[in-house]
PDB file of all heavy atoms in Angstrom:
ATOM      1  N   GLU A   1     178.458 149.984  70.730  1.00  0.00           N
ATOM      2  CA  GLU A   1     178.135 150.643  69.460  1.00  0.00           C
ATOM      3  C   GLU A   1     179.018 150.127  68.327  1.00  0.00           C
ATOM      4  O   GLU A   1     178.536 149.873  67.210  1.00  0.00           O
ATOM      5  CB  GLU A   1     178.301 152.156  69.616  1.00  0.00           C
ATOM      6  CG  GLU A   1     177.953 152.938  68.362  1.00  0.00           C
ATOM      7  CD  GLU A   1     178.122 154.440  68.532  1.00  0.00           C
ATOM      8  OE1 GLU A   1     178.324 154.884  69.680  1.00  0.00           O
ATOM      9  OE2 GLU A   1     178.064 155.162  67.517  1.00  0.00           O
ATOM     10  N   ALA A   2     180.305 149.957  68.618  1.00  0.00           N
ATOM     11  CA  ALA A   2     181.228 149.463  67.593  1.00  0.00           C
ATOM     12  C   ALA A   2     180.860 148.047  67.168  1.00  0.00           C
ATOM     13  O   ALA A   2     180.953 147.695  65.978  1.00  0.00           O
ATOM     14  CB  ALA A   2     182.657 149.511  68.119  1.00  0.00           C
ATOM     15  N   TYR A   3     180.420 147.240  68.118  1.00  0.00           N
ATOM     16  CA  TYR A   3     180.050 145.867  67.794  1.00  0.00           C
ATOM     17  C   TYR A   3     178.792 145.832  66.930  1.00  0.00           C
ATOM     18  O   TYR A   3     178.716 145.083  65.950  1.00  0.00           O
ATOM     19  CB  TYR A   3     179.841 145.070  69.081  1.00  0.00           C
ATOM     20  CG  TYR A   3     179.406 143.648  68.833  1.00  0.00           C
ATOM     21  CD1 TYR A   3     180.176 142.793  68.042  1.00  0.00           C
ATOM     22  CD2 TYR A   3     178.218 143.153  69.368  1.00  0.00           C
ATOM     23  CE1 TYR A   3     179.777 141.483  67.803  1.00  0.00           C
ATOM     24  CE2 TYR A   3     177.810 141.857  69.134  1.00  0.00           C
ATOM     25  CZ  TYR A   3     178.593 141.025  68.349  1.00  0.00           C
ATOM     26  OH  TYR A   3     178.197 139.736  68.107  1.00  0.00           O
ATOM     27  N   GLN A   4     177.815 146.653  67.274  1.00  0.00           N
ATOM     28  CA  GLN A   4     176.594 146.682  66.473  1.00  0.00           C
ATOM     29  C   GLN A   4     176.865 147.239  65.071  1.00  0.00           C
ATOM     30  O   GLN A   4     176.255 146.798  64.093  1.00  0.00           O
ATOM     31  CB  GLN A   4     175.530 147.500  67.205  1.00  0.00           C
ATOM     32  CG  GLN A   4     175.039 146.809  68.478  1.00  0.00           C
ATOM     33  CD  GLN A   4     174.029 147.628  69.245  1.00  0.00           C
ATOM     34  OE1 GLN A   4     172.865 147.741  68.864  1.00  0.00           O
ATOM     35  NE2 GLN A   4     174.461 148.221  70.345  1.00  0.00           N
ATOM     36  N   THR A   5     177.789 148.185  64.980  1.00  0.00           N
ATOM     37  CA  THR A   5     178.199 148.685  63.664  1.00  0.00           C
ATOM     38  C   THR A   5     178.862 147.572  62.860  1.00  0.00           C
ATOM     39  O   THR A   5     178.643 147.438  61.645  1.00  0.00           O
ATOM     40  CB  THR A   5     179.170 149.869  63.822  1.00  0.00           C
ATOM     41  OG1 THR A   5     178.501 150.930  64.504  1.00  0.00           O
ATOM     42  CG2 THR A   5     179.664 150.365  62.465  1.00  0.00           C
ATOM     43  N   TYR A   6     179.669 146.771  63.526  1.00  0.00           N
ATOM     44  CA  TYR A   6     180.333 145.636  62.877  1.00  0.00           C
ATOM     45  C   TYR A   6     179.301 144.663  62.315  1.00  0.00           C
ATOM     46  O   TYR A   6     179.391 144.239  61.151  1.00  0.00           O
ATOM     47  CB  TYR A   6     181.237 144.962  63.895  1.00  0.00           C
ATOM     48  CG  TYR A   6     181.805 143.621  63.474  1.00  0.00           C
ATOM     49  CD1 TYR A   6     182.650 143.507  62.378  1.00  0.00           C
ATOM     50  CD2 TYR A   6     181.510 142.470  64.201  1.00  0.00           C
ATOM     51  CE1 TYR A   6     183.192 142.279  62.008  1.00  0.00           C
ATOM     52  CE2 TYR A   6     182.041 141.245  63.846  1.00  0.00           C
ATOM     53  CZ  TYR A   6     182.874 141.147  62.750  1.00  0.00           C
ATOM     54  OH  TYR A   6     183.403 139.936  62.394  1.00  0.00           O
ATOM     55  N   LEU A   7     178.298 144.318  63.116  1.00  0.00           N
ATOM     56  CA  LEU A   7     177.256 143.406  62.643  1.00  0.00           C
ATOM     57  C   LEU A   7     176.526 144.000  61.438  1.00  0.00           C
ATOM     58  O   LEU A   7     176.241 143.292  60.459  1.00  0.00           O
ATOM     59  CB  LEU A   7     176.263 143.126  63.771  1.00  0.00           C
ATOM     60  CG  LEU A   7     176.786 142.355  64.995  1.00  0.00           C
ATOM     61  CD1 LEU A   7     175.704 142.261  66.062  1.00  0.00           C
ATOM     62  CD2 LEU A   7     177.261 140.966  64.601  1.00  0.00           C
ATOM     63  N   THR A   8     176.240 145.284  61.525  1.00  0.00           N
ATOM     64  CA  THR A   8     175.560 145.958  60.410  1.00  0.00           C
ATOM     65  C   THR A   8     176.390 145.878  59.133  1.00  0.00           C
ATOM     66  O   THR A   8     175.876 145.565  58.048  1.00  0.00           O
ATOM     67  CB  THR A   8     175.302 147.434  60.770  1.00  0.00           C
ATOM     68  OG1 THR A   8     174.492 147.502  61.945  1.00  0.00           O
ATOM     69  CG2 THR A   8     174.607 148.156  59.625  1.00  0.00           C
ATOM     70  N   THR A   9     177.681 146.144  59.270  1.00  0.00           N
ATOM     71  CA  THR A   9     178.575 146.116  58.104  1.00  0.00           C
ATOM     72  C   THR A   9     178.640 144.727  57.493  1.00  0.00           C
ATOM     73  O   THR A   9     178.654 144.575  56.254  1.00  0.00           O
ATOM     74  CB  THR A   9     179.986 146.583  58.506  1.00  0.00           C
ATOM     75  OG1 THR A   9     179.911 147.881  59.086  1.00  0.00           O
ATOM     76  CG2 THR A   9     180.916 146.619  57.304  1.00  0.00           C
ATOM     77  N   LEU A  10     178.667 143.704  58.324  1.00  0.00           N
ATOM     78  CA  LEU A  10     178.705 142.332  57.802  1.00  0.00           C
ATOM     79  C   LEU A  10     177.481 142.044  56.947  1.00  0.00           C
ATOM     80  O   LEU A  10     177.594 141.446  55.860  1.00  0.00           O
ATOM     81  CB  LEU A  10     178.795 141.327  58.955  1.00  0.00           C
ATOM     82  CG  LEU A  10     180.076 141.322  59.786  1.00  0.00           C
ATOM     83  CD1 LEU A  10     180.025 140.216  60.834  1.00  0.00           C
ATOM     84  CD2 LEU A  10     181.313 141.158  58.906  1.00  0.00           C
ATOM     85  N   PHE A  11     176.317 142.438  57.428  1.00  0.00           N
ATOM     86  CA  PHE A  11     175.101 142.226  56.631  1.00  0.00           C
ATOM     87  C   PHE A  11     175.162 143.011  55.318  1.00  0.00           C
ATOM     88  O   PHE A  11     174.776 142.508  54.260  1.00  0.00           O
ATOM     89  CB  PHE A  11     173.869 142.637  57.431  1.00  0.00           C
ATOM     90  CG  PHE A  11     173.412 141.605  58.435  1.00  0.00           C
ATOM     91  CD1 PHE A  11     173.269 141.931  59.772  1.00  0.00           C
ATOM     92  CD2 PHE A  11     173.125 140.311  58.032  1.00  0.00           C
ATOM     93  CE1 PHE A  11     172.840 140.987  60.703  1.00  0.00           C
ATOM     94  CE2 PHE A  11     172.696 139.342  58.945  1.00  0.00           C
ATOM     95  CZ  PHE A  11     172.558 139.685  60.286  1.00  0.00           C
ATOM     96  N   GLU A  12     175.664 144.214  55.370  1.00  0.00           N
ATOM     97  CA  GLU A  12     175.768 145.030  54.155  1.00  0.00           C
ATOM     98  C   GLU A  12     176.712 144.395  53.144  1.00  0.00           C
ATOM     99  O   GLU A  12     176.446 144.408  51.928  1.00  0.00           O
ATOM    100  CB  GLU A  12     176.258 146.433  54.512  1.00  0.00           C
ATOM    101  CG  GLU A  12     175.236 147.257  55.279  1.00  0.00           C
ATOM    102  CD  GLU A  12     175.795 148.585  55.775  1.00  0.00           C
ATOM    103  OE1 GLU A  12     177.047 148.734  55.808  1.00  0.00           O
ATOM    104  OE2 GLU A  12     175.000 149.468  56.148  1.00  0.00           O
ATOM    105  N   LEU A  13     177.809 143.824  53.631  1.00  0.00           N
ATOM    106  CA  LEU A  13     178.818 143.258  52.730  1.00  0.00           C
ATOM    107  C   LEU A  13     178.314 142.034  51.968  1.00  0.00           C
ATOM    108  O   LEU A  13     178.852 141.703  50.900  1.00  0.00           O
ATOM    109  CB  LEU A  13     180.082 142.903  53.516  1.00  0.00           C
ATOM    110  CG  LEU A  13     180.924 144.094  53.986  1.00  0.00           C
ATOM    111  CD1 LEU A  13     182.052 143.634  54.911  1.00  0.00           C
ATOM    112  CD2 LEU A  13     181.514 144.845  52.787  1.00  0.00           C
ATOM    113  N   VAL A  14     177.300 141.365  52.509  1.00  0.00           N
ATOM    114  CA  VAL A  14     176.750 140.212  51.781  1.00  0.00           C
ATOM    115  C   VAL A  14     175.440 140.573  51.090  1.00  0.00           C
ATOM    116  O   VAL A  14     174.707 139.685  50.637  1.00  0.00           O
ATOM    117  CB  VAL A  14     176.548 138.994  52.720  1.00  0.00           C
ATOM    118  CG1 VAL A  14     177.882 138.513  53.248  1.00  0.00           C
ATOM    119  CG2 VAL A  14     175.580 139.321  53.852  1.00  0.00           C
ATOM    120  N   GLY A  15     175.153 141.888  51.006  1.00  0.00           N
ATOM    121  CA  GLY A  15     174.025 142.348  50.212  1.00  0.00           C
ATOM    122  C   GLY A  15     172.674 142.309  50.891  1.00  0.00           C
ATOM    123  O   GLY A  15     171.634 142.336  50.210  1.00  0.00           O
ATOM    124  N   GLU A  16     172.643 142.270  52.225  1.00  0.00           N
ATOM    125  CA  GLU A  16     171.374 142.236  52.955  1.00  0.00           C
ATOM    126  C   GLU A  16     170.758 143.634  53.026  1.00  0.00           C
ATOM    127  O   GLU A  16     171.458 144.626  53.272  1.00  0.00           O
ATOM    128  CB  GLU A  16     171.584 141.707  54.371  1.00  0.00           C
ATOM    129  CG  GLU A  16     172.001 140.252  54.444  1.00  0.00           C
ATOM    130  CD  GLU A  16     170.810 139.307  54.355  1.00  0.00           C
ATOM    131  OE1 GLU A  16     169.662 139.780  54.481  1.00  0.00           O
ATOM    132  OE2 GLU A  16     171.039 138.093  54.161  1.00  0.00           O
ATOM    133  N   ASP A  17     169.447 143.713  52.849  1.00  0.00           N
ATOM    134  CA  ASP A  17     168.715 144.964  53.059  1.00  0.00           C
ATOM    135  C   ASP A  17     168.450 145.161  54.550  1.00  0.00           C
ATOM    136  O   ASP A  17     168.473 144.200  55.335  1.00  0.00           O
ATOM    137  CB  ASP A  17     167.379 144.928  52.304  1.00  0.00           C
ATOM    138  CG  ASP A  17     167.577 144.858  50.798  1.00  0.00           C
ATOM    139  OD1 ASP A  17     168.585 145.413  50.310  1.00  0.00           O
ATOM    140  OD2 ASP A  17     166.737 144.232  50.121  1.00  0.00           O
ATOM    141  N   ASP A  18     168.176 146.408  54.944  1.00  0.00           N
ATOM    142  CA  ASP A  18     167.837 146.717  56.344  1.00  0.00           C
ATOM    143  C   ASP A  18     168.870 146.139  57.306  1.00  0.00           C
ATOM    144  O   ASP A  18     168.533 145.508  58.316  1.00  0.00           O
ATOM    145  CB  ASP A  18     166.441 146.176  56.699  1.00  0.00           C
ATOM    146  CG  ASP A  18     165.355 146.768  55.818  1.00  0.00           C
ATOM    147  OD1 ASP A  18     165.433 147.978  55.523  1.00  0.00           O
ATOM    148  OD2 ASP A  18     164.441 146.020  55.428  1.00  0.00           O
ATOM    149  N   ALA A  19     170.126 146.371  56.980  1.00  0.00           N
ATOM    150  CA  ALA A  19     171.219 145.742  57.728  1.00  0.00           C
ATOM    151  C   ALA A  19     171.213 146.149  59.197  1.00  0.00           C
ATOM    152  O   ALA A  19     171.452 145.309  60.086  1.00  0.00           O
ATOM    153  CB  ALA A  19     172.556 146.100  57.083  1.00  0.00           C
ATOM    154  N   PHE A  20     170.952 147.417  59.483  1.00  0.00           N
ATOM    155  CA  PHE A  20     170.980 147.879  60.871  1.00  0.00           C
ATOM    156  C   PHE A  20     169.889 147.200  61.697  1.00  0.00           C
ATOM    157  O   PHE A  20     170.129 146.757  62.829  1.00  0.00           O
ATOM    158  CB  PHE A  20     170.821 149.396  60.939  1.00  0.00           C
ATOM    159  CG  PHE A  20     170.818 149.932  62.343  1.00  0.00           C
ATOM    160  CD1 PHE A  20     171.997 150.004  63.085  1.00  0.00           C
ATOM    161  CD2 PHE A  20     169.632 150.353  62.940  1.00  0.00           C
ATOM    162  CE1 PHE A  20     171.983 150.490  64.392  1.00  0.00           C
ATOM    163  CE2 PHE A  20     169.617 150.842  64.243  1.00  0.00           C
ATOM    164  CZ  PHE A  20     170.803 150.903  64.968  1.00  0.00           C
ATOM    165  N   ALA A  21     168.701 147.103  61.143  1.00  0.00           N
ATOM    166  CA  ALA A  21     167.594 146.459  61.861  1.00  0.00           C
ATOM    167  C   ALA A  21     167.908 144.984  62.124  1.00  0.00           C
ATOM    168  O   ALA A  21     167.579 144.446  63.201  1.00  0.00           O
ATOM    169  CB  ALA A  21     166.300 146.590  61.064  1.00  0.00           C
ATOM    170  N   LYS A  22     168.548 144.344  61.175  1.00  0.00           N
ATOM    171  CA  LYS A  22     168.910 142.939  61.356  1.00  0.00           C
ATOM    172  C   LYS A  22     169.993 142.791  62.418  1.00  0.00           C
ATOM    173  O   LYS A  22     169.969 141.856  63.231  1.00  0.00           O
ATOM    174  CB  LYS A  22     169.359 142.348  60.020  1.00  0.00           C
ATOM    175  CG  LYS A  22     168.202 142.211  59.033  1.00  0.00           C
ATOM    176  CD  LYS A  22     168.647 141.717  57.668  1.00  0.00           C
ATOM    177  CE  LYS A  22     167.433 141.571  56.751  1.00  0.00           C
ATOM    178  NZ  LYS A  22     167.795 141.154  55.370  1.00  0.00           N
ATOM    179  N   ALA A  23     170.943 143.715  62.432  1.00  0.00           N
ATOM    180  CA  ALA A  23     171.983 143.698  63.460  1.00  0.00           C
ATOM    181  C   ALA A  23     171.374 143.870  64.847  1.00  0.00           C
ATOM    182  O   ALA A  23     171.811 143.245  65.817  1.00  0.00           O
ATOM    183  CB  ALA A  23     173.013 144.788  63.187  1.00  0.00           C
ATOM    184  N   GLU A  24     170.361 144.724  64.949  1.00  0.00           N
ATOM    185  CA  GLU A  24     169.688 144.933  66.239  1.00  0.00           C
ATOM    186  C   GLU A  24     169.047 143.643  66.737  1.00  0.00           C
ATOM    187  O   GLU A  24     169.076 143.344  67.946  1.00  0.00           O
ATOM    188  CB  GLU A  24     168.628 146.023  66.107  1.00  0.00           C
ATOM    189  CG  GLU A  24     169.195 147.436  66.071  1.00  0.00           C
ATOM    190  CD  GLU A  24     168.101 148.479  66.153  1.00  0.00           C
ATOM    191  OE1 GLU A  24     167.099 148.332  65.415  1.00  0.00           O
ATOM    192  OE2 GLU A  24     168.233 149.425  66.941  1.00  0.00           O
ATOM    193  N   LYS A  25     168.471 142.878  65.839  1.00  0.00           N
ATOM    194  CA  LYS A  25     167.844 141.614  66.241  1.00  0.00           C
ATOM    195  C   LYS A  25     168.896 140.614  66.729  1.00  0.00           C
ATOM    196  O   LYS A  25     168.672 139.888  67.704  1.00  0.00           O
ATOM    197  CB  LYS A  25     167.038 141.034  65.076  1.00  0.00           C
ATOM    198  CG  LYS A  25     165.785 141.838  64.743  1.00  0.00           C
ATOM    199  CD  LYS A  25     164.984 141.207  63.619  1.00  0.00           C
ATOM    200  CE  LYS A  25     163.717 142.013  63.358  1.00  0.00           C
ATOM    201  NZ  LYS A  25     162.887 141.432  62.271  1.00  0.00           N
ATOM    202  N   VAL A  26     170.013 140.581  66.049  1.00  0.00           N
ATOM    203  CA  VAL A  26     171.103 139.687  66.474  1.00  0.00           C
ATOM    204  C   VAL A  26     171.595 140.084  67.861  1.00  0.00           C
ATOM    205  O   VAL A  26     171.763 139.242  68.748  1.00  0.00           O
ATOM    206  CB  VAL A  26     172.265 139.726  65.461  1.00  0.00           C
ATOM    207  CG1 VAL A  26     173.461 138.935  65.982  1.00  0.00           C
ATOM    208  CG2 VAL A  26     171.815 139.195  64.109  1.00  0.00           C
ATOM    209  N   TYR A  27     171.801 141.377  68.049  1.00  0.00           N
ATOM    210  CA  TYR A  27     172.289 141.876  69.340  1.00  0.00           C
ATOM    211  C   TYR A  27     171.282 141.580  70.446  1.00  0.00           C
ATOM    212  O   TYR A  27     171.663 141.227  71.574  1.00  0.00           O
ATOM    213  CB  TYR A  27     172.555 143.376  69.244  1.00  0.00           C
ATOM    214  CG  TYR A  27     173.245 143.958  70.453  1.00  0.00           C
ATOM    215  CD1 TYR A  27     174.622 143.845  70.601  1.00  0.00           C
ATOM    216  CD2 TYR A  27     172.518 144.616  71.446  1.00  0.00           C
ATOM    217  CE1 TYR A  27     175.261 144.381  71.719  1.00  0.00           C
ATOM    218  CE2 TYR A  27     173.150 145.143  72.562  1.00  0.00           C
ATOM    219  CZ  TYR A  27     174.522 145.023  72.688  1.00  0.00           C
ATOM    220  OH  TYR A  27     175.149 145.546  73.793  1.00  0.00           O
ATOM    221  N   SER A  28     170.016 141.685  70.146  1.00  0.00           N
ATOM    222  CA  SER A  28     168.972 141.394  71.126  1.00  0.00           C
ATOM    223  C   SER A  28     169.019 139.933  71.568  1.00  0.00           C
ATOM    224  O   SER A  28     168.874 139.625  72.764  1.00  0.00           O
ATOM    225  CB  SER A  28     167.594 141.716  70.543  1.00  0.00           C
ATOM    226  OG  SER A  28     166.563 141.303  71.411  1.00  0.00           O
ATOM    227  N   ILE A  29     169.234 139.027  70.624  1.00  0.00           N
ATOM    228  CA  ILE A  29     169.333 137.605  70.978  1.00  0.00           C
ATOM    229  C   ILE A  29     170.542 137.371  71.874  1.00  0.00           C
ATOM    230  O   ILE A  29     170.460 136.667  72.895  1.00  0.00           O
ATOM    231  CB  ILE A  29     169.416 136.736  69.706  1.00  0.00           C
ATOM    232  CG1 ILE A  29     168.078 136.771  68.961  1.00  0.00           C
ATOM    233  CG2 ILE A  29     169.794 135.296  70.064  1.00  0.00           C
ATOM    234  CD1 ILE A  29     168.091 136.040  67.632  1.00  0.00           C
ATOM    235  N   GLU A  30     171.654 137.963  71.519  1.00  0.00           N
ATOM    236  CA  GLU A  30     172.856 137.801  72.328  1.00  0.00           C
ATOM    237  C   GLU A  30     172.639 138.320  73.749  1.00  0.00           C
ATOM    238  O   GLU A  30     173.074 137.702  74.726  1.00  0.00           O
ATOM    239  CB  GLU A  30     174.035 138.526  71.676  1.00  0.00           C
ATOM    240  CG  GLU A  30     174.532 137.879  70.405  1.00  0.00           C
ATOM    241  CD  GLU A  30     175.799 138.535  69.889  1.00  0.00           C
ATOM    242  OE1 GLU A  30     176.411 139.318  70.634  1.00  0.00           O
ATOM    243  OE2 GLU A  30     176.166 138.271  68.737  1.00  0.00           O
ATOM    244  N   LYS A  31     171.982 139.452  73.860  1.00  0.00           N
ATOM    245  CA  LYS A  31     171.759 140.037  75.183  1.00  0.00           C
ATOM    246  C   LYS A  31     170.867 139.138  76.032  1.00  0.00           C
ATOM    247  O   LYS A  31     171.083 138.988  77.248  1.00  0.00           O
ATOM    248  CB  LYS A  31     171.142 141.430  75.046  1.00  0.00           C
ATOM    249  CG  LYS A  31     171.115 142.215  76.342  1.00  0.00           C
ATOM    250  CD  LYS A  31     170.713 143.665  76.106  1.00  0.00           C
ATOM    251  CE  LYS A  31     170.771 144.465  77.406  1.00  0.00           C
ATOM    252  NZ  LYS A  31     170.440 145.899  77.181  1.00  0.00           N
ATOM    253  N   GLN A  32     169.895 138.513  75.413  1.00  0.00           N
ATOM    254  CA  GLN A  32     169.034 137.580  76.153  1.00  0.00           C
ATOM    255  C   GLN A  32     169.828 136.348  76.587  1.00  0.00           C
ATOM    256  O   GLN A  32     169.648 135.843  77.703  1.00  0.00           O
ATOM    257  CB  GLN A  32     167.844 137.176  75.282  1.00  0.00           C
ATOM    258  CG  GLN A  32     166.871 138.317  75.031  1.00  0.00           C
ATOM    259  CD  GLN A  32     165.737 137.912  74.113  1.00  0.00           C
ATOM    260  OE1 GLN A  32     164.830 137.182  74.524  1.00  0.00           O
ATOM    261  NE2 GLN A  32     165.778 138.368  72.865  1.00  0.00           N
TER     262      GLN A  32
END
């Protein structure tokens, strides 16, 4: 959970919309 929150925060800090959904996609790729 902390790692996915970290990914979400990174997207937010560079101005990305839908940061949580984007973090989920990144995490999904890593898990695969």
